[in-house]
Amino acid sequence: MTQAITSADTSRNLLTVAAGGIVSGILTPLLPTLIDHIVGLSGQLRISLIAVPFAVLVFILVRRFSANPLWAAGLAAVVTMIAFVCAVNAAIFIEGQTTGAATVMRYLLAGLTGGLVGAGVMALGIGVLPSGPRTAAAWWPMLMTGALAGTLLALDNALGLDQISFLYPIWQAGVALRLVMALRS
């Protein structure tokens, strides 16, 4: 009986985490329009502010699903914003390096790279927190999910989606789920 209750509670927790990722993923592409109205911000700071919805989710997840203190959850949110900037810059770099290739291929490679870099920076940053998993095996699922979901950038580009995105809700939900699983290991 206890196992059935624990299983149902775990499933409910994971559904809540996925829903949080989807909500933050819907909010993320809406922020650039709002942030563009703020005068005096540098480009990298603007990019990092776009990551605020997902950083808030990461803060909540690290606080809820690990034994990390409050300051560590805050640091995990900052690491998430840094990871977002790294992911965007990596995707832009790869897209620029593949000039001449088919557009779909350029965006597939850029999304794959950006997703891997973003998840990788998060794993490195959160992994060194006091209660973060120290084994690479705990983080592999998050890295693979981030990289594979990053390929949705090509779909977003092909459909011309600026205000709504397939990439962010799926990427953020998947990475949030994998983060929780890593924190529990």
N, C-alpha and C. Protein backbone atom coordinates (compact mmCIF):
# COMPACT_ATOMS: atom_id res chain seq x y z
N MET A 1 0.82 -1.19 0.00
CA MET A 1 0.00 0.00 0.00
C MET A 1 0.86 1.26 0.00
N THR A 2 1.90 1.29 0.83
CA THR A 2 2.78 2.45 0.91
C THR A 2 3.48 2.68 -0.42
N GLN A 3 3.88 1.60 -1.08
CA GLN A 3 4.55 1.72 -2.38
C GLN A 3 3.61 2.33 -3.42
N ALA A 4 2.34 1.96 -3.41
CA ALA A 4 1.36 2.51 -4.35
C ALA A 4 1.16 4.00 -4.11
N ILE A 5 1.11 4.42 -2.85
CA ILE A 5 0.95 5.84 -2.52
C ILE A 5 2.19 6.61 -2.96
N THR A 6 3.38 6.08 -2.68
CA THR A 6 4.62 6.73 -3.08
C THR A 6 4.71 6.85 -4.58
N SER A 7 4.30 5.81 -5.31
CA SER A 7 4.34 5.83 -6.77
C SER A 7 3.40 6.89 -7.33
N ALA A 8 2.19 6.98 -6.78
CA ALA A 8 1.23 7.99 -7.24
C ALA A 8 1.73 9.39 -6.93
N ASP A 9 2.35 9.56 -5.75
CA ASP A 9 2.89 10.86 -5.37
C ASP A 9 4.04 11.26 -6.29
N THR A 10 4.91 10.30 -6.63
CA THR A 10 6.02 10.56 -7.54
C THR A 10 5.51 10.95 -8.92
N SER A 11 4.52 10.24 -9.42
CA SER A 11 3.94 10.57 -10.72
C SER A 11 3.33 11.96 -10.72
N ARG A 12 2.64 12.30 -9.66
CA ARG A 12 2.03 13.63 -9.55
C ARG A 12 3.12 14.71 -9.51
N ASN A 13 4.20 14.44 -8.76
CA ASN A 13 5.31 15.39 -8.71
C ASN A 13 5.93 15.60 -10.09
N LEU A 14 6.13 14.52 -10.82
CA LEU A 14 6.75 14.63 -12.15
C LEU A 14 5.83 15.35 -13.13
N LEU A 15 4.53 15.12 -13.03
CA LEU A 15 3.58 15.85 -13.88
C LEU A 15 3.58 17.34 -13.55
N THR A 16 3.69 17.65 -12.28
CA THR A 16 3.76 19.06 -11.87
C THR A 16 5.04 19.70 -12.39
N VAL A 17 6.15 18.98 -12.32
CA VAL A 17 7.43 19.50 -12.83
C VAL A 17 7.33 19.74 -14.33
N ALA A 18 6.77 18.77 -15.06
CA ALA A 18 6.61 18.93 -16.52
C ALA A 18 5.70 20.11 -16.84
N ALA A 19 4.62 20.27 -16.09
CA ALA A 19 3.72 21.41 -16.31
C ALA A 19 4.44 22.72 -16.05
N GLY A 20 5.26 22.76 -15.01
CA GLY A 20 6.05 23.96 -14.74
C GLY A 20 7.00 24.27 -15.88
N GLY A 21 7.62 23.24 -16.44
CA GLY A 21 8.51 23.43 -17.59
C GLY A 21 7.77 23.95 -18.81
N ILE A 22 6.59 23.44 -19.03
CA ILE A 22 5.79 23.90 -20.18
C ILE A 22 5.38 25.35 -20.00
N VAL A 23 4.95 25.72 -18.79
CA VAL A 23 4.55 27.11 -18.53
C VAL A 23 5.74 28.05 -18.68
N SER A 24 6.90 27.68 -18.11
CA SER A 24 8.07 28.55 -18.27
C SER A 24 8.51 28.60 -19.73
N GLY A 25 8.32 27.50 -20.46
CA GLY A 25 8.66 27.47 -21.88
C GLY A 25 7.73 28.32 -22.73
N ILE A 26 6.50 28.48 -22.30
CA ILE A 26 5.57 29.35 -23.02
C ILE A 26 5.91 30.82 -22.74
N LEU A 27 6.31 31.12 -21.50
CA LEU A 27 6.64 32.50 -21.14
C LEU A 27 7.96 32.98 -21.75
N THR A 28 8.92 32.07 -21.92
CA THR A 28 10.25 32.45 -22.38
C THR A 28 10.26 33.21 -23.71
N PRO A 29 9.60 32.74 -24.78
CA PRO A 29 9.66 33.48 -26.04
C PRO A 29 8.85 34.78 -26.02
N LEU A 30 8.05 34.98 -25.00
CA LEU A 30 7.28 36.22 -24.90
C LEU A 30 8.10 37.35 -24.27
N LEU A 31 9.17 37.02 -23.57
CA LEU A 31 9.95 38.02 -22.84
C LEU A 31 10.78 38.97 -23.70
N PRO A 32 11.35 38.54 -24.83
CA PRO A 32 12.18 39.49 -25.58
C PRO A 32 11.47 40.80 -25.94
N THR A 33 10.21 40.73 -26.27
CA THR A 33 9.46 41.95 -26.60
C THR A 33 9.40 42.88 -25.40
N LEU A 34 9.17 42.32 -24.23
CA LEU A 34 9.12 43.12 -23.01
C LEU A 34 10.50 43.66 -22.64
N ILE A 35 11.52 42.83 -22.74
CA ILE A 35 12.87 43.23 -22.36
C ILE A 35 13.42 44.29 -23.31
N ASP A 36 13.00 44.29 -24.57
CA ASP A 36 13.45 45.30 -25.52
C ASP A 36 13.04 46.71 -25.13
N HIS A 37 12.03 46.84 -24.28
CA HIS A 37 11.58 48.15 -23.82
C HIS A 37 12.44 48.71 -22.69
N ILE A 38 13.30 47.88 -22.12
CA ILE A 38 14.19 48.32 -21.05
C ILE A 38 15.45 48.90 -21.70
N VAL A 39 15.71 50.15 -21.45
CA VAL A 39 16.82 50.85 -22.08
C VAL A 39 18.09 50.66 -21.25
N GLY A 40 19.22 50.50 -21.94
CA GLY A 40 20.50 50.48 -21.27
C GLY A 40 21.04 49.11 -20.90
N LEU A 41 20.38 48.06 -21.30
CA LEU A 41 20.87 46.72 -20.98
C LEU A 41 21.78 46.20 -22.09
N SER A 42 22.85 45.53 -21.70
CA SER A 42 23.74 44.94 -22.70
C SER A 42 23.07 43.71 -23.31
N GLY A 43 23.60 43.26 -24.42
CA GLY A 43 23.03 42.11 -25.13
C GLY A 43 23.01 40.84 -24.31
N GLN A 44 24.12 40.56 -23.61
CA GLN A 44 24.20 39.34 -22.81
C GLN A 44 23.24 39.38 -21.62
N LEU A 45 23.08 40.56 -21.01
CA LEU A 45 22.14 40.69 -19.91
C LEU A 45 20.71 40.52 -20.39
N ARG A 46 20.42 41.04 -21.58
CA ARG A 46 19.08 40.86 -22.15
C ARG A 46 18.79 39.38 -22.37
N ILE A 47 19.77 38.66 -22.90
CA ILE A 47 19.59 37.22 -23.14
C ILE A 47 19.37 36.50 -21.81
N SER A 48 20.13 36.86 -20.79
CA SER A 48 19.98 36.18 -19.50
C SER A 48 18.62 36.46 -18.87
N LEU A 49 18.06 37.64 -19.08
CA LEU A 49 16.75 37.95 -18.52
C LEU A 49 15.64 37.13 -19.16
N ILE A 50 15.86 36.70 -20.39
CA ILE A 50 14.88 35.85 -21.06
C ILE A 50 14.74 34.51 -20.33
N ALA A 51 15.79 34.11 -19.65
CA ALA A 51 15.80 32.82 -18.95
C ALA A 51 15.15 32.88 -17.57
N VAL A 52 14.65 34.03 -17.14
CA VAL A 52 14.11 34.16 -15.79
C VAL A 52 12.99 33.15 -15.49
N PRO A 53 12.01 32.91 -16.37
CA PRO A 53 10.98 31.93 -16.00
C PRO A 53 11.55 30.54 -15.70
N PHE A 54 12.50 30.09 -16.52
CA PHE A 54 13.08 28.78 -16.29
C PHE A 54 13.98 28.80 -15.05
N ALA A 55 14.67 29.90 -14.82
CA ALA A 55 15.52 30.02 -13.63
C ALA A 55 14.68 29.96 -12.35
N VAL A 56 13.51 30.56 -12.38
CA VAL A 56 12.61 30.49 -11.22
C VAL A 56 12.18 29.04 -11.00
N LEU A 57 11.86 28.34 -12.08
CA LEU A 57 11.48 26.93 -11.96
C LEU A 57 12.64 26.12 -11.38
N VAL A 58 13.84 26.35 -11.87
CA VAL A 58 15.01 25.61 -11.35
C VAL A 58 15.20 25.92 -9.87
N PHE A 59 15.04 27.16 -9.47
CA PHE A 59 15.14 27.53 -8.06
C PHE A 59 14.17 26.69 -7.23
N ILE A 60 12.93 26.62 -7.67
CA ILE A 60 11.90 25.86 -6.95
C ILE A 60 12.26 24.37 -6.91
N LEU A 61 12.71 23.84 -8.04
CA LEU A 61 13.02 22.41 -8.10
C LEU A 61 14.21 22.05 -7.22
N VAL A 62 15.25 22.86 -7.27
CA VAL A 62 16.43 22.57 -6.44
C VAL A 62 16.08 22.69 -4.97
N ARG A 63 15.26 23.65 -4.63
CA ARG A 63 14.84 23.83 -3.23
C ARG A 63 13.96 22.66 -2.78
N ARG A 64 13.07 22.22 -3.65
CA ARG A 64 12.08 21.19 -3.27
C ARG A 64 12.65 19.77 -3.30
N PHE A 65 13.49 19.48 -4.29
CA PHE A 65 13.90 18.09 -4.51
C PHE A 65 15.34 17.79 -4.10
N SER A 66 15.98 18.69 -3.39
CA SER A 66 17.32 18.41 -2.89
C SER A 66 17.45 18.97 -1.48
N ALA A 67 18.53 18.63 -0.85
CA ALA A 67 18.79 19.11 0.50
C ALA A 67 19.64 20.38 0.48
N ASN A 68 19.69 21.04 -0.67
CA ASN A 68 20.49 22.26 -0.79
C ASN A 68 19.88 23.39 0.02
N PRO A 69 20.72 24.24 0.60
CA PRO A 69 20.21 25.41 1.32
C PRO A 69 19.64 26.45 0.34
N LEU A 70 18.98 27.44 0.88
CA LEU A 70 18.34 28.47 0.07
C LEU A 70 19.34 29.17 -0.85
N TRP A 71 20.54 29.48 -0.35
CA TRP A 71 21.52 30.17 -1.18
C TRP A 71 21.94 29.31 -2.37
N ALA A 72 21.98 28.00 -2.20
CA ALA A 72 22.37 27.11 -3.29
C ALA A 72 21.29 27.06 -4.36
N ALA A 73 20.02 27.12 -3.95
CA ALA A 73 18.93 27.15 -4.93
C ALA A 73 18.99 28.46 -5.72
N GLY A 74 19.30 29.56 -5.05
CA GLY A 74 19.48 30.84 -5.75
C GLY A 74 20.64 30.79 -6.72
N LEU A 75 21.73 30.16 -6.31
CA LEU A 75 22.88 30.01 -7.19
C LEU A 75 22.54 29.13 -8.38
N ALA A 76 21.72 28.11 -8.19
CA ALA A 76 21.28 27.25 -9.29
C ALA A 76 20.47 28.06 -10.31
N ALA A 77 19.67 29.00 -9.83
CA ALA A 77 18.90 29.86 -10.74
C ALA A 77 19.84 30.76 -11.55
N VAL A 78 20.85 31.30 -10.91
CA VAL A 78 21.84 32.13 -11.62
C VAL A 78 22.60 31.29 -12.64
N VAL A 79 22.99 30.09 -12.25
CA VAL A 79 23.67 29.18 -13.18
C VAL A 79 22.78 28.89 -14.39
N THR A 80 21.50 28.76 -14.16
CA THR A 80 20.56 28.52 -15.26
C THR A 80 20.54 29.69 -16.24
N MET A 81 20.57 30.90 -15.72
CA MET A 81 20.60 32.07 -16.60
C MET A 81 21.91 32.14 -17.38
N ILE A 82 23.01 31.79 -16.74
CA ILE A 82 24.31 31.75 -17.42
C ILE A 82 24.29 30.65 -18.49
N ALA A 83 23.71 29.50 -18.16
CA ALA A 83 23.61 28.40 -19.12
C ALA A 83 22.80 28.81 -20.34
N PHE A 84 21.75 29.58 -20.13
CA PHE A 84 20.93 30.05 -21.24
C PHE A 84 21.75 30.94 -22.17
N VAL A 85 22.53 31.85 -21.61
CA VAL A 85 23.38 32.72 -22.43
C VAL A 85 24.40 31.89 -23.19
N CYS A 86 25.01 30.92 -22.53
CA CYS A 86 25.98 30.04 -23.20
C CYS A 86 25.33 29.26 -24.32
N ALA A 87 24.12 28.75 -24.08
CA ALA A 87 23.41 27.97 -25.10
C ALA A 87 23.08 28.82 -26.32
N VAL A 88 22.58 30.03 -26.09
CA VAL A 88 22.24 30.91 -27.21
C VAL A 88 23.50 31.27 -28.00
N ASN A 89 24.57 31.61 -27.30
CA ASN A 89 25.82 31.97 -27.99
C ASN A 89 26.40 30.78 -28.76
N ALA A 90 26.31 29.58 -28.19
CA ALA A 90 26.80 28.39 -28.89
C ALA A 90 25.98 28.13 -30.14
N ALA A 91 24.66 28.27 -30.04
CA ALA A 91 23.79 28.05 -31.20
C ALA A 91 24.07 29.07 -32.28
N ILE A 92 24.25 30.32 -31.91
CA ILE A 92 24.57 31.37 -32.89
C ILE A 92 25.91 31.09 -33.55
N PHE A 93 26.90 30.67 -32.76
CA PHE A 93 28.23 30.37 -33.31
C PHE A 93 28.15 29.23 -34.32
N ILE A 94 27.49 28.14 -33.96
CA ILE A 94 27.39 26.99 -34.86
C ILE A 94 26.61 27.35 -36.12
N GLU A 95 25.53 28.10 -35.95
CA GLU A 95 24.75 28.52 -37.12
C GLU A 95 25.61 29.35 -38.06
N GLY A 96 26.46 30.22 -37.51
CA GLY A 96 27.36 31.02 -38.32
C GLY A 96 28.44 30.20 -39.00
N GLN A 97 28.90 29.15 -38.32
CA GLN A 97 29.96 28.31 -38.88
C GLN A 97 29.47 27.40 -39.98
N THR A 98 28.18 27.19 -40.07
CA THR A 98 27.63 26.28 -41.07
C THR A 98 27.01 27.03 -42.24
N THR A 99 27.43 28.26 -42.44
CA THR A 99 26.93 29.05 -43.57
C THR A 99 27.20 28.28 -44.86
N GLY A 100 26.21 28.24 -45.70
CA GLY A 100 26.33 27.51 -46.96
C GLY A 100 25.62 26.17 -46.93
N ALA A 101 25.40 25.64 -45.74
CA ALA A 101 24.65 24.38 -45.61
C ALA A 101 23.16 24.69 -45.71
N ALA A 102 22.39 23.66 -45.90
CA ALA A 102 20.93 23.82 -45.95
C ALA A 102 20.44 24.43 -44.64
N THR A 103 19.45 25.29 -44.72
CA THR A 103 18.95 25.99 -43.54
C THR A 103 18.50 25.02 -42.46
N VAL A 104 17.81 23.97 -42.82
CA VAL A 104 17.34 23.00 -41.83
C VAL A 104 18.53 22.36 -41.12
N MET A 105 19.57 22.02 -41.86
CA MET A 105 20.75 21.40 -41.26
C MET A 105 21.44 22.38 -40.31
N ARG A 106 21.54 23.64 -40.71
CA ARG A 106 22.18 24.65 -39.86
C ARG A 106 21.44 24.77 -38.53
N TYR A 107 20.11 24.83 -38.59
CA TYR A 107 19.34 25.00 -37.37
C TYR A 107 19.29 23.71 -36.53
N LEU A 108 19.33 22.56 -37.17
CA LEU A 108 19.43 21.31 -36.42
C LEU A 108 20.73 21.25 -35.62
N LEU A 109 21.84 21.58 -36.28
CA LEU A 109 23.13 21.56 -35.61
C LEU A 109 23.22 22.64 -34.53
N ALA A 110 22.68 23.82 -34.83
CA ALA A 110 22.71 24.91 -33.85
C ALA A 110 21.87 24.54 -32.63
N GLY A 111 20.70 23.99 -32.84
CA GLY A 111 19.84 23.59 -31.73
C GLY A 111 20.43 22.46 -30.91
N LEU A 112 21.01 21.49 -31.59
CA LEU A 112 21.66 20.37 -30.91
C LEU A 112 22.79 20.88 -30.02
N THR A 113 23.62 21.76 -30.58
CA THR A 113 24.74 22.31 -29.83
C THR A 113 24.27 23.18 -28.67
N GLY A 114 23.33 24.08 -28.96
CA GLY A 114 22.82 24.96 -27.91
C GLY A 114 22.17 24.18 -26.77
N GLY A 115 21.38 23.17 -27.11
CA GLY A 115 20.74 22.35 -26.08
C GLY A 115 21.74 21.60 -25.23
N LEU A 116 22.77 21.05 -25.87
CA LEU A 116 23.81 20.33 -25.14
C LEU A 116 24.61 21.27 -24.25
N VAL A 117 24.98 22.42 -24.78
CA VAL A 117 25.76 23.40 -23.99
C VAL A 117 24.94 23.91 -22.81
N GLY A 118 23.67 24.26 -23.06
CA GLY A 118 22.83 24.76 -21.97
C GLY A 118 22.66 23.73 -20.86
N ALA A 119 22.33 22.51 -21.22
CA ALA A 119 22.17 21.46 -20.21
C ALA A 119 23.50 21.13 -19.54
N GLY A 120 24.58 21.19 -20.31
CA GLY A 120 25.91 20.89 -19.76
C GLY A 120 26.35 21.91 -18.73
N VAL A 121 26.15 23.18 -19.03
CA VAL A 121 26.52 24.23 -18.07
C VAL A 121 25.66 24.11 -16.81
N MET A 122 24.38 23.82 -17.00
CA MET A 122 23.51 23.62 -15.82
C MET A 122 24.01 22.44 -14.99
N ALA A 123 24.34 21.33 -15.64
CA ALA A 123 24.79 20.14 -14.91
C ALA A 123 26.09 20.43 -14.16
N LEU A 124 27.01 21.13 -14.81
CA LEU A 124 28.27 21.46 -14.13
C LEU A 124 28.05 22.39 -12.95
N GLY A 125 27.22 23.40 -13.15
CA GLY A 125 26.98 24.37 -12.09
C GLY A 125 26.20 23.80 -10.93
N ILE A 126 25.13 23.07 -11.21
CA ILE A 126 24.30 22.51 -10.15
C ILE A 126 24.98 21.31 -9.50
N GLY A 127 25.80 20.62 -10.28
CA GLY A 127 26.50 19.44 -9.76
C GLY A 127 27.51 19.76 -8.67
N VAL A 128 27.99 21.00 -8.60
CA VAL A 128 28.97 21.35 -7.57
C VAL A 128 28.31 21.96 -6.33
N LEU A 129 26.99 22.10 -6.33
CA LEU A 129 26.30 22.58 -5.15
C LEU A 129 26.43 21.56 -4.03
N PRO A 130 26.20 21.97 -2.79
CA PRO A 130 26.42 21.05 -1.67
C PRO A 130 25.72 19.70 -1.80
N SER A 131 24.49 19.67 -2.29
CA SER A 131 23.77 18.40 -2.40
C SER A 131 23.62 17.92 -3.84
N GLY A 132 24.34 18.52 -4.76
CA GLY A 132 24.25 18.11 -6.15
C GLY A 132 24.91 16.76 -6.38
N PRO A 133 24.36 15.96 -7.29
CA PRO A 133 24.99 14.67 -7.60
C PRO A 133 26.39 14.89 -8.17
N ARG A 134 27.33 14.11 -7.72
CA ARG A 134 28.72 14.27 -8.14
C ARG A 134 29.12 13.31 -9.26
N THR A 135 28.25 12.40 -9.65
CA THR A 135 28.59 11.44 -10.68
C THR A 135 28.09 11.92 -12.04
N ALA A 136 28.89 11.70 -13.05
CA ALA A 136 28.50 12.10 -14.41
C ALA A 136 27.27 11.32 -14.88
N ALA A 137 27.16 10.08 -14.45
CA ALA A 137 26.03 9.24 -14.88
C ALA A 137 24.69 9.84 -14.47
N ALA A 138 24.64 10.56 -13.37
CA ALA A 138 23.39 11.18 -12.93
C ALA A 138 22.95 12.28 -13.89
N TRP A 139 23.89 12.89 -14.58
CA TRP A 139 23.59 14.04 -15.44
C TRP A 139 23.43 13.67 -16.91
N TRP A 140 23.85 12.49 -17.33
CA TRP A 140 23.75 12.12 -18.76
C TRP A 140 22.34 12.23 -19.33
N PRO A 141 21.32 11.75 -18.63
CA PRO A 141 19.97 11.88 -19.20
C PRO A 141 19.57 13.34 -19.46
N MET A 142 19.97 14.24 -18.55
CA MET A 142 19.65 15.65 -18.75
C MET A 142 20.40 16.22 -19.96
N LEU A 143 21.64 15.82 -20.13
CA LEU A 143 22.43 16.29 -21.28
C LEU A 143 21.84 15.80 -22.59
N MET A 144 21.46 14.54 -22.64
CA MET A 144 20.88 13.99 -23.87
C MET A 144 19.52 14.61 -24.17
N THR A 145 18.71 14.80 -23.14
CA THR A 145 17.41 15.44 -23.33
C THR A 145 17.58 16.86 -23.84
N GLY A 146 18.51 17.61 -23.24
CA GLY A 146 18.76 18.99 -23.67
C GLY A 146 19.22 19.06 -25.11
N ALA A 147 20.12 18.18 -25.49
CA ALA A 147 20.64 18.19 -26.86
C ALA A 147 19.55 17.81 -27.86
N LEU A 148 18.83 16.73 -27.59
CA LEU A 148 17.81 16.27 -28.55
C LEU A 148 16.65 17.25 -28.65
N ALA A 149 16.21 17.80 -27.53
CA ALA A 149 15.12 18.78 -27.58
C ALA A 149 15.57 20.07 -28.25
N GLY A 150 16.86 20.37 -28.19
CA GLY A 150 17.38 21.56 -28.84
C GLY A 150 17.21 21.54 -30.35
N THR A 151 17.09 20.36 -30.92
CA THR A 151 16.91 20.26 -32.37
C THR A 151 15.56 20.82 -32.81
N LEU A 152 14.66 21.05 -31.87
CA LEU A 152 13.36 21.66 -32.22
C LEU A 152 13.52 23.10 -32.70
N LEU A 153 14.72 23.66 -32.53
CA LEU A 153 15.00 24.99 -33.07
C LEU A 153 14.77 25.00 -34.58
N ALA A 154 15.11 23.90 -35.23
CA ALA A 154 14.89 23.81 -36.68
C ALA A 154 13.40 23.85 -37.01
N LEU A 155 12.58 23.20 -36.20
CA LEU A 155 11.14 23.22 -36.42
C LEU A 155 10.58 24.63 -36.18
N ASP A 156 11.04 25.27 -35.12
CA ASP A 156 10.60 26.65 -34.87
C ASP A 156 10.96 27.56 -36.04
N ASN A 157 12.17 27.41 -36.55
CA ASN A 157 12.61 28.24 -37.68
C ASN A 157 11.81 27.93 -38.93
N ALA A 158 11.57 26.65 -39.21
CA ALA A 158 10.84 26.26 -40.41
C ALA A 158 9.41 26.78 -40.40
N LEU A 159 8.81 26.84 -39.20
CA LEU A 159 7.44 27.33 -39.09
C LEU A 159 7.36 28.83 -38.86
N GLY A 160 8.52 29.48 -38.71
CA GLY A 160 8.55 30.92 -38.51
C GLY A 160 7.93 31.36 -37.20
N LEU A 161 8.16 30.59 -36.16
CA LEU A 161 7.56 30.89 -34.86
C LEU A 161 8.45 31.86 -34.08
N ASP A 162 7.94 33.05 -33.81
CA ASP A 162 8.68 34.02 -33.02
C ASP A 162 8.09 34.16 -31.61
N GLN A 163 6.78 34.32 -31.53
CA GLN A 163 6.14 34.54 -30.24
C GLN A 163 5.75 33.25 -29.54
N ILE A 164 5.54 32.19 -30.29
CA ILE A 164 5.22 30.89 -29.71
C ILE A 164 6.28 29.93 -30.22
N SER A 165 6.66 28.98 -29.41
CA SER A 165 7.77 28.12 -29.76
C SER A 165 7.48 26.68 -29.36
N PHE A 166 7.95 25.73 -30.16
CA PHE A 166 7.92 24.32 -29.77
C PHE A 166 9.15 24.00 -28.92
N LEU A 167 10.25 24.69 -29.21
CA LEU A 167 11.52 24.40 -28.56
C LEU A 167 11.45 24.61 -27.05
N TYR A 168 11.09 25.79 -26.61
CA TYR A 168 11.18 26.11 -25.18
C TYR A 168 10.27 25.26 -24.29
N PRO A 169 8.99 25.09 -24.59
CA PRO A 169 8.18 24.26 -23.68
C PRO A 169 8.68 22.82 -23.57
N ILE A 170 9.05 22.23 -24.68
CA ILE A 170 9.51 20.84 -24.64
C ILE A 170 10.88 20.75 -24.00
N TRP A 171 11.79 21.65 -24.37
CA TRP A 171 13.14 21.63 -23.81
C TRP A 171 13.08 21.84 -22.30
N GLN A 172 12.35 22.86 -21.88
CA GLN A 172 12.33 23.20 -20.46
C GLN A 172 11.60 22.13 -19.63
N ALA A 173 10.55 21.56 -20.17
CA ALA A 173 9.87 20.48 -19.44
C ALA A 173 10.78 19.25 -19.34
N GLY A 174 11.43 18.89 -20.44
CA GLY A 174 12.31 17.73 -20.43
C GLY A 174 13.51 17.90 -19.52
N VAL A 175 14.15 19.05 -19.59
CA VAL A 175 15.32 19.30 -18.75
C VAL A 175 14.91 19.41 -17.28
N ALA A 176 13.76 20.01 -17.01
CA ALA A 176 13.29 20.09 -15.62
C ALA A 176 13.05 18.69 -15.05
N LEU A 177 12.43 17.82 -15.83
CA LEU A 177 12.20 16.44 -15.37
C LEU A 177 13.52 15.73 -15.11
N ARG A 178 14.46 15.88 -16.03
CA ARG A 178 15.75 15.21 -15.87
C ARG A 178 16.54 15.80 -14.70
N LEU A 179 16.37 17.11 -14.45
CA LEU A 179 17.03 17.74 -13.31
C LEU A 179 16.51 17.12 -12.00
N VAL A 180 15.20 16.98 -11.90
CA VAL A 180 14.61 16.39 -10.70
C VAL A 180 15.11 14.96 -10.52
N MET A 181 15.18 14.20 -11.60
CA MET A 181 15.66 12.83 -11.51
C MET A 181 17.12 12.78 -11.08
N ALA A 182 17.93 13.73 -11.58
CA ALA A 182 19.33 13.79 -11.17
C ALA A 182 19.45 14.18 -9.71
N LEU A 183 18.64 15.12 -9.26
CA LEU A 183 18.70 15.55 -7.86
C LEU A 183 18.29 14.44 -6.91
N ARG A 184 17.41 13.55 -7.37
CA ARG A 184 16.96 12.44 -6.54
C ARG A 184 17.95 11.29 -6.49
N SER A 185 18.91 11.25 -7.42
CA SER A 185 19.83 10.11 -7.47
C SER A 185 20.90 10.19 -6.41
